[in-house]
């Protein structure tokens, strides 16, 4: 499988990047939800707005749909978690 070339946008959160990939690929939230076997687009909206994250199974499906390596997705999520943890530690130290 040939993967899409991706510059790792670590400054953006996963939901923001997911929305970019979805729009660039011509999916609506509803059509992406349908492709993932979801009954409603609300879950896709929740991911894009950072309310929750996709399951591991859904991440695998997203990597296939958008032709992005699993490594790119994992690295983005790890970096986002790391940044969130640093912010939390800083807030606790104030």
Foldseek 3Di string as FASTA:
>chain_A
DAADDDDQPLVDAPLCVLVVLCVVLPHDLARVCVQLVHPDSVVNVCCNVVVDHDDPVVLVSSCVVSRNDSVSVVVSNVSVVVVVVVVVVVVVVD
